[in-house]
Amino acid sequence: MTASRKILSREALMAARARARLEGRKVVQCHGCFDIVHPGHIRHLRFARSQGDLLLVTITGDAEMRKGEGRPLIPEELRAENLAELDCVDW
């Protein structure tokens, strides 16, 4: 699946999650800032993906970021694109 198809609106996500549940698939969710993705993030996401059938990654939006002055360094749209490029991320 291409990265752009992994980034879903709330409505599309709710529908996809409902379909997955009907199919008996286990969805694992990870949430975070993911401002600068580092090897620890990758290991964590790969492990999380191994715990289910689908990995949903959600990010803290720019307006809600509480990591200090000048954060986030990367805007939320680009953080979502970065994560969507990872093969272990489904949504």
N, C-alpha and C. Protein backbone atom coordinates (compact mmCIF):
# COMPACT_ATOMS: atom_id res chain seq x y z
N MET A 1 0.85 -1.18 0.00
CA MET A 1 0.00 0.00 0.00
C MET A 1 0.89 1.24 0.00
N THR A 2 0.53 2.23 -0.81
CA THR A 2 1.32 3.44 -0.86
C THR A 2 1.13 4.26 0.40
N ALA A 3 2.13 5.07 0.72
CA ALA A 3 2.09 5.87 1.94
C ALA A 3 0.87 6.77 1.98
N SER A 4 0.53 7.39 0.87
CA SER A 4 -0.60 8.33 0.88
C SER A 4 -1.92 7.63 1.20
N ARG A 5 -2.04 6.35 0.88
CA ARG A 5 -3.27 5.61 1.17
C ARG A 5 -3.33 5.15 2.63
N LYS A 6 -2.22 5.24 3.34
CA LYS A 6 -2.20 4.84 4.75
C LYS A 6 -2.67 5.96 5.67
N ILE A 7 -2.64 7.19 5.19
CA ILE A 7 -3.05 8.34 6.00
C ILE A 7 -4.55 8.53 5.82
N LEU A 8 -5.29 8.30 6.90
CA LEU A 8 -6.74 8.28 6.83
C LEU A 8 -7.37 9.41 7.63
N SER A 9 -8.51 9.86 7.16
CA SER A 9 -9.33 10.77 7.95
C SER A 9 -9.91 9.96 9.11
N ARG A 10 -10.45 10.66 10.09
CA ARG A 10 -11.06 9.96 11.22
C ARG A 10 -12.19 9.04 10.74
N GLU A 11 -13.00 9.54 9.84
CA GLU A 11 -14.13 8.76 9.34
C GLU A 11 -13.65 7.51 8.60
N ALA A 12 -12.65 7.66 7.74
CA ALA A 12 -12.12 6.52 7.00
C ALA A 12 -11.47 5.52 7.94
N LEU A 13 -10.80 6.02 8.96
CA LEU A 13 -10.17 5.13 9.94
C LEU A 13 -11.22 4.32 10.69
N MET A 14 -12.30 4.97 11.12
CA MET A 14 -13.35 4.26 11.85
C MET A 14 -13.96 3.15 10.99
N ALA A 15 -14.16 3.43 9.71
CA ALA A 15 -14.72 2.43 8.80
C ALA A 15 -13.72 1.28 8.59
N ALA A 16 -12.45 1.60 8.39
CA ALA A 16 -11.43 0.57 8.19
C ALA A 16 -11.28 -0.30 9.43
N ARG A 17 -11.31 0.33 10.59
CA ARG A 17 -11.20 -0.42 11.84
C ARG A 17 -12.40 -1.34 12.04
N ALA A 18 -13.59 -0.85 11.70
CA ALA A 18 -14.80 -1.68 11.81
C ALA A 18 -14.71 -2.89 10.87
N ARG A 19 -14.22 -2.68 9.64
CA ARG A 19 -14.04 -3.79 8.70
C ARG A 19 -13.04 -4.81 9.25
N ALA A 20 -11.95 -4.32 9.80
CA ALA A 20 -10.94 -5.22 10.36
C ALA A 20 -11.52 -6.06 11.49
N ARG A 21 -12.31 -5.45 12.34
CA ARG A 21 -12.94 -6.19 13.45
C ARG A 21 -13.89 -7.25 12.92
N LEU A 22 -14.68 -6.90 11.92
CA LEU A 22 -15.60 -7.87 11.32
C LEU A 22 -14.85 -9.06 10.72
N GLU A 23 -13.66 -8.79 10.21
CA GLU A 23 -12.83 -9.84 9.61
C GLU A 23 -12.04 -10.62 10.67
N GLY A 24 -12.18 -10.22 11.94
CA GLY A 24 -11.48 -10.90 13.02
C GLY A 24 -10.01 -10.54 13.12
N ARG A 25 -9.64 -9.40 12.57
CA ARG A 25 -8.24 -8.97 12.59
C ARG A 25 -7.98 -8.11 13.83
N LYS A 26 -6.81 -8.29 14.42
CA LYS A 26 -6.43 -7.55 15.61
C LYS A 26 -5.67 -6.29 15.21
N VAL A 27 -6.16 -5.13 15.66
CA VAL A 27 -5.53 -3.85 15.39
C VAL A 27 -4.74 -3.43 16.63
N VAL A 28 -3.47 -3.12 16.44
CA VAL A 28 -2.60 -2.62 17.50
C VAL A 28 -2.35 -1.14 17.22
N GLN A 29 -2.45 -0.32 18.26
CA GLN A 29 -2.26 1.12 18.08
C GLN A 29 -1.06 1.61 18.87
N CYS A 30 -0.28 2.48 18.24
CA CYS A 30 0.81 3.20 18.91
C CYS A 30 0.54 4.68 18.70
N HIS A 31 0.77 5.47 19.73
CA HIS A 31 0.56 6.91 19.64
C HIS A 31 1.81 7.61 20.15
N GLY A 32 2.11 8.73 19.53
CA GLY A 32 3.23 9.52 20.00
C GLY A 32 3.41 10.77 19.18
N CYS A 33 4.47 11.48 19.49
CA CYS A 33 4.83 12.70 18.78
C CYS A 33 5.53 12.35 17.46
N PHE A 34 6.50 11.45 17.53
CA PHE A 34 7.28 11.01 16.36
C PHE A 34 7.85 12.21 15.61
N ASP A 35 8.34 13.20 16.36
CA ASP A 35 8.89 14.40 15.76
C ASP A 35 10.13 14.08 14.94
N ILE A 36 11.05 13.39 15.54
CA ILE A 36 12.23 12.91 14.82
C ILE A 36 12.27 11.40 15.05
N VAL A 37 11.95 10.63 14.04
CA VAL A 37 11.88 9.17 14.17
C VAL A 37 13.30 8.62 14.26
N HIS A 38 13.56 7.87 15.34
CA HIS A 38 14.89 7.31 15.59
C HIS A 38 14.79 5.79 15.70
N PRO A 39 15.92 5.09 15.81
CA PRO A 39 15.90 3.62 15.85
C PRO A 39 15.00 3.04 16.95
N GLY A 40 14.91 3.71 18.07
CA GLY A 40 14.02 3.24 19.13
C GLY A 40 12.57 3.23 18.70
N HIS A 41 12.16 4.26 17.98
CA HIS A 41 10.80 4.30 17.44
C HIS A 41 10.57 3.12 16.48
N ILE A 42 11.52 2.90 15.59
CA ILE A 42 11.38 1.83 14.60
C ILE A 42 11.25 0.48 15.30
N ARG A 43 12.09 0.23 16.29
CA ARG A 43 12.02 -1.04 17.03
C ARG A 43 10.66 -1.18 17.72
N HIS A 44 10.21 -0.11 18.35
CA HIS A 44 8.92 -0.12 19.05
C HIS A 44 7.78 -0.41 18.08
N LEU A 45 7.78 0.26 16.93
CA LEU A 45 6.71 0.07 15.95
C LEU A 45 6.74 -1.34 15.36
N ARG A 46 7.91 -1.87 15.08
CA ARG A 46 8.01 -3.23 14.54
C ARG A 46 7.52 -4.26 15.58
N PHE A 47 7.88 -4.05 16.84
CA PHE A 47 7.40 -4.95 17.89
C PHE A 47 5.88 -4.86 18.00
N ALA A 48 5.36 -3.65 18.01
CA ALA A 48 3.90 -3.47 18.12
C ALA A 48 3.20 -4.18 16.97
N ARG A 49 3.72 -4.03 15.77
CA ARG A 49 3.12 -4.67 14.60
C ARG A 49 3.09 -6.19 14.75
N SER A 50 4.11 -6.74 15.40
CA SER A 50 4.17 -8.19 15.58
C SER A 50 3.11 -8.71 16.56
N GLN A 51 2.48 -7.79 17.30
CA GLN A 51 1.49 -8.18 18.30
C GLN A 51 0.07 -8.30 17.73
N GLY A 52 -0.10 -7.95 16.46
CA GLY A 52 -1.43 -8.02 15.87
C GLY A 52 -1.36 -8.18 14.37
N ASP A 53 -2.49 -7.92 13.73
CA ASP A 53 -2.59 -8.05 12.28
C ASP A 53 -2.37 -6.73 11.55
N LEU A 54 -2.71 -5.64 12.22
CA LEU A 54 -2.60 -4.31 11.62
C LEU A 54 -2.03 -3.34 12.64
N LEU A 55 -1.19 -2.43 12.18
CA LEU A 55 -0.63 -1.40 13.08
C LEU A 55 -1.19 -0.04 12.70
N LEU A 56 -1.86 0.56 13.65
CA LEU A 56 -2.39 1.92 13.55
C LEU A 56 -1.46 2.82 14.35
N VAL A 57 -0.91 3.85 13.71
CA VAL A 57 -0.06 4.81 14.41
C VAL A 57 -0.76 6.15 14.37
N THR A 58 -0.95 6.73 15.54
CA THR A 58 -1.54 8.06 15.65
C THR A 58 -0.48 9.01 16.19
N ILE A 59 -0.61 10.27 15.81
CA ILE A 59 0.38 11.26 16.24
C ILE A 59 -0.29 12.39 17.00
N THR A 60 0.47 12.99 17.90
CA THR A 60 0.01 14.19 18.59
C THR A 60 0.10 15.35 17.60
N GLY A 61 -1.00 16.05 17.42
CA GLY A 61 -1.03 17.18 16.50
C GLY A 61 -0.17 18.34 16.98
N ASP A 62 0.20 19.18 16.05
CA ASP A 62 1.05 20.33 16.37
C ASP A 62 0.48 21.18 17.49
N ALA A 63 -0.81 21.44 17.46
CA ALA A 63 -1.45 22.32 18.45
C ALA A 63 -1.40 21.74 19.86
N GLU A 64 -1.27 20.43 19.97
CA GLU A 64 -1.28 19.77 21.28
C GLU A 64 0.12 19.41 21.78
N MET A 65 1.13 19.68 20.98
CA MET A 65 2.51 19.31 21.34
C MET A 65 2.95 20.10 22.57
N ARG A 66 3.48 19.39 23.55
CA ARG A 66 3.94 20.01 24.80
C ARG A 66 5.37 19.57 25.11
N LYS A 67 6.25 19.65 24.13
CA LYS A 67 7.62 19.17 24.31
C LYS A 67 8.61 20.32 24.45
N GLY A 68 8.12 21.54 24.55
CA GLY A 68 9.01 22.67 24.74
C GLY A 68 8.99 23.63 23.57
N GLU A 69 9.69 24.72 23.77
CA GLU A 69 9.77 25.79 22.77
C GLU A 69 10.32 25.27 21.45
N GLY A 70 9.68 25.68 20.37
CA GLY A 70 10.14 25.30 19.05
C GLY A 70 9.76 23.91 18.59
N ARG A 71 8.95 23.20 19.38
CA ARG A 71 8.53 21.85 19.00
C ARG A 71 7.09 21.89 18.54
N PRO A 72 6.71 21.11 17.64
CA PRO A 72 7.52 20.10 16.98
C PRO A 72 8.46 20.72 15.93
N LEU A 73 9.50 20.01 15.65
CA LEU A 73 10.43 20.44 14.61
C LEU A 73 9.87 20.15 13.23
N ILE A 74 9.13 19.05 13.13
CA ILE A 74 8.55 18.59 11.87
C ILE A 74 7.03 18.77 11.96
N PRO A 75 6.38 19.44 11.00
CA PRO A 75 4.93 19.62 11.04
C PRO A 75 4.18 18.28 10.99
N GLU A 76 2.99 18.24 11.57
CA GLU A 76 2.22 17.00 11.69
C GLU A 76 1.99 16.30 10.37
N GLU A 77 1.74 17.04 9.30
CA GLU A 77 1.52 16.40 8.00
C GLU A 77 2.75 15.62 7.54
N LEU A 78 3.92 16.20 7.74
CA LEU A 78 5.16 15.53 7.34
C LEU A 78 5.49 14.36 8.27
N ARG A 79 5.16 14.50 9.56
CA ARG A 79 5.38 13.38 10.49
C ARG A 79 4.51 12.20 10.08
N ALA A 80 3.27 12.48 9.68
CA ALA A 80 2.37 11.41 9.22
C ALA A 80 2.93 10.76 7.96
N GLU A 81 3.42 11.56 7.03
CA GLU A 81 4.00 11.00 5.80
C GLU A 81 5.22 10.13 6.11
N ASN A 82 6.07 10.59 7.01
CA ASN A 82 7.26 9.80 7.39
C ASN A 82 6.85 8.43 7.92
N LEU A 83 5.91 8.41 8.83
CA LEU A 83 5.48 7.15 9.43
C LEU A 83 4.79 6.24 8.40
N ALA A 84 4.02 6.85 7.51
CA ALA A 84 3.31 6.06 6.50
C ALA A 84 4.29 5.36 5.54
N GLU A 85 5.48 5.85 5.42
CA GLU A 85 6.49 5.23 4.55
C GLU A 85 7.05 3.94 5.15
N LEU A 86 6.85 3.72 6.43
CA LEU A 86 7.38 2.51 7.07
C LEU A 86 6.53 1.30 6.70
N ASP A 87 7.17 0.21 6.33
CA ASP A 87 6.42 -0.97 5.91
C ASP A 87 5.63 -1.62 7.04
N CYS A 88 6.02 -1.41 8.27
CA CYS A 88 5.30 -2.02 9.39
C CYS A 88 4.02 -1.27 9.75
N VAL A 89 3.85 -0.06 9.24
CA VAL A 89 2.67 0.76 9.54
C VAL A 89 1.59 0.49 8.49
N ASP A 90 0.40 0.14 8.95
CA ASP A 90 -0.74 -0.09 8.06
C ASP A 90 -1.59 1.16 7.89
N TRP A 91 -1.83 1.86 8.99
CA TRP A 91 -2.62 3.09 8.94
C TRP A 91 -1.96 4.13 9.81
